[in-house]
Amino acid sequence: MPEVNWLAVIAAALSMFVIGGLWYSPLLFDKAWRRAANLSDADVARGNPPVIFGVAFVLCLIMAANLAFFIAGPEVTLSFAIGAAVAAGLGWAALSVGVLTLFERRPLSYFLINGGYLTIGFAVMGLILGLWR
C-alpha cells in the first residue's frame, strides 16, 4: 500500500470543499448554476444543509484520498501530481458531467460551471498533495 500523508488528504478535501462553497456562492456562479440546474429557491430551501454539507465533505475526502493514492510514490514530481489531478478533474470528472449534461438536456452553462469546479478543485488538490508529501 502506498504511503499517503493523511493530513494532506484532509487539507486537499477541505480545499475542494471551500472552492465549492465559493464557486456556488452568490460571489460567483450561484444564480447561473441554479438557473442551469433548474433549481428554485423553494427547491434549495427543501434541502437539509447539515446532511448535504456533511456528505459533500465526506465525498471530497474520498476524492482526495483516491487522488493521493493515484499520485503516491517517491518518483512522483509536483508537475506530475498537478497534471494527473487536472487529467482526473477535466478528463474524467468534468467530462462525465458533460455526458450527464447531454442526457439530462441541461444547458452548456451547467456543464461549464460544474466541470469548471471539478477541474479547478482537482488541480488544487493535486497541488496540495504534490507539495505536502
Protein backbone atom coordinates (compact mmCIF):
# COMPACT_ATOMS: atom_id res chain seq x y z
CA MET A 1 0.00 0.00 0.00
CA PRO A 2 1.46 3.38 -0.98
CA GLU A 3 2.40 5.83 1.74
CA VAL A 4 -0.06 8.71 1.93
CA ASN A 5 0.10 11.89 4.01
CA TRP A 6 -3.35 11.85 5.59
CA LEU A 7 -3.10 15.44 6.81
CA ALA A 8 -2.51 16.46 3.20
CA VAL A 9 -5.56 14.42 2.18
CA ILE A 10 -7.68 16.28 4.73
CA ALA A 11 -6.26 19.63 3.57
CA ALA A 12 -6.94 18.71 -0.07
CA ALA A 13 -10.51 17.70 0.77
CA LEU A 14 -11.02 20.96 2.65
CA SER A 15 -9.70 22.88 -0.36
CA MET A 16 -12.19 21.18 -2.68
CA PHE A 17 -14.98 21.85 -0.18
CA VAL A 18 -14.05 25.53 0.23
CA ILE A 19 -13.65 26.04 -3.52
CA GLY A 20 -17.13 24.56 -3.95
CA GLY A 21 -18.51 26.91 -1.33
CA LEU A 22 -17.07 29.89 -3.16
CA TRP A 23 -17.82 28.57 -6.66
CA TYR A 24 -21.52 28.05 -5.97
CA SER A 25 -21.91 31.18 -3.82
CA PRO A 26 -23.54 34.47 -4.84
CA LEU A 27 -20.00 35.83 -5.36
CA LEU A 28 -19.51 33.58 -8.37
CA PHE A 29 -21.99 31.20 -10.01
CA ASP A 30 -24.94 30.74 -7.63
CA LYS A 31 -27.60 32.33 -9.84
CA ALA A 32 -26.27 30.94 -13.11
CA TRP A 33 -25.89 27.45 -11.61
CA ARG A 34 -29.39 27.47 -10.12
CA ARG A 35 -30.82 28.59 -13.45
CA ALA A 36 -28.87 25.94 -15.37
CA ALA A 37 -29.81 23.22 -12.85
CA ASN A 38 -33.44 24.43 -12.83
CA LEU A 39 -33.40 24.87 -9.04
CA SER A 40 -35.85 27.32 -7.50
CA ASP A 41 -35.45 28.96 -4.10
CA ALA A 42 -38.10 26.51 -2.84
CA ASP A 43 -36.04 23.56 -4.13
CA VAL A 44 -32.98 24.85 -2.29
CA ALA A 45 -34.99 25.52 0.88
CA ARG A 46 -36.21 21.90 0.97
CA GLY A 47 -32.64 20.65 1.39
CA ASN A 48 -31.08 19.61 4.68
CA PRO A 49 -27.86 21.67 4.88
CA PRO A 50 -26.12 19.64 7.63
CA VAL A 51 -26.64 16.41 5.66
CA ILE A 52 -25.80 17.96 2.30
CA PHE A 53 -22.61 19.65 3.54
CA GLY A 54 -21.58 16.69 5.69
CA VAL A 55 -21.96 14.16 2.89
CA ALA A 56 -20.33 16.57 0.42
CA PHE A 57 -17.27 16.82 2.67
CA VAL A 58 -17.06 13.04 3.04
CA LEU A 59 -17.20 12.71 -0.75
CA CYS A 60 -14.45 15.34 -1.09
CA LEU A 61 -12.40 13.36 1.42
CA ILE A 62 -12.84 10.18 -0.62
CA MET A 63 -11.87 12.00 -3.83
CA ALA A 64 -8.77 13.45 -2.15
CA ALA A 65 -7.75 10.05 -0.78
CA ASN A 66 -8.27 8.44 -4.18
CA LEU A 67 -6.14 11.12 -5.83
CA ALA A 68 -3.47 10.75 -3.13
CA PHE A 69 -3.20 7.02 -3.79
CA PHE A 70 -3.07 7.67 -7.53
CA ILE A 71 -0.14 10.08 -7.25
CA ALA A 72 1.69 8.38 -4.37
CA GLY A 73 5.27 7.29 -4.81
CA PRO A 74 8.71 8.78 -4.30
CA GLU A 75 9.24 9.26 -8.04
CA VAL A 76 6.15 11.49 -8.44
CA THR A 77 7.04 15.12 -9.15
CA LEU A 78 4.92 18.15 -8.38
CA SER A 79 4.25 18.71 -12.08
CA PHE A 80 3.09 15.11 -12.46
CA ALA A 81 0.82 15.43 -9.41
CA ILE A 82 -0.81 18.57 -10.77
CA GLY A 83 -1.04 17.16 -14.30
CA ALA A 84 -2.60 13.93 -13.07
CA ALA A 85 -5.05 15.89 -10.93
CA VAL A 86 -6.07 18.10 -13.87
CA ALA A 87 -6.42 15.00 -16.04
CA ALA A 88 -8.67 13.43 -13.41
CA GLY A 89 -10.69 16.61 -12.88
CA LEU A 90 -11.11 17.52 -16.53
CA GLY A 91 -10.67 14.21 -18.29
CA TRP A 92 -12.78 12.04 -16.01
CA ALA A 93 -14.92 14.11 -13.65
CA ALA A 94 -15.81 17.12 -15.81
CA LEU A 95 -16.32 15.13 -18.99
CA SER A 96 -18.54 12.71 -17.07
CA VAL A 97 -20.64 15.70 -16.08
CA GLY A 98 -20.65 16.62 -19.77
CA VAL A 99 -22.18 13.27 -20.67
CA LEU A 100 -24.81 13.67 -17.96
CA THR A 101 -25.48 17.21 -19.15
CA LEU A 102 -26.27 15.94 -22.62
CA PHE A 103 -28.65 13.23 -21.45
CA GLU A 104 -30.32 15.50 -18.89
CA ARG A 105 -30.78 18.14 -21.61
CA ARG A 106 -29.09 20.78 -19.47
CA PRO A 107 -27.62 23.95 -20.95
CA LEU A 108 -23.94 24.34 -21.74
CA SER A 109 -23.59 26.64 -18.73
CA TYR A 110 -24.44 23.70 -16.44
CA PHE A 111 -21.51 21.73 -17.86
CA LEU A 112 -19.13 24.69 -17.76
CA ILE A 113 -19.98 25.65 -14.17
CA ASN A 114 -19.85 22.12 -12.74
CA GLY A 115 -16.98 20.96 -14.93
CA GLY A 116 -15.01 24.09 -14.12
CA TYR A 117 -15.43 23.49 -10.41
CA LEU A 118 -14.26 19.91 -10.70
CA THR A 119 -11.27 20.77 -12.86
CA ILE A 120 -10.07 23.62 -10.64
CA GLY A 121 -10.84 21.71 -7.44
CA PHE A 122 -8.87 18.68 -8.58
CA ALA A 123 -5.96 20.88 -9.72
CA VAL A 124 -5.76 22.49 -6.27
CA MET A 125 -6.00 19.10 -4.57
CA GLY A 126 -3.14 17.88 -6.78
CA LEU A 127 -1.09 20.95 -5.84
CA ILE A 128 -1.63 20.34 -2.13
CA LEU A 129 -0.97 16.62 -2.35
CA GLY A 130 2.05 17.18 -4.58
CA LEU A 131 3.61 19.78 -2.29
CA TRP A 132 2.79 18.16 1.04
CA ARG A 133 4.28 14.72 0.69
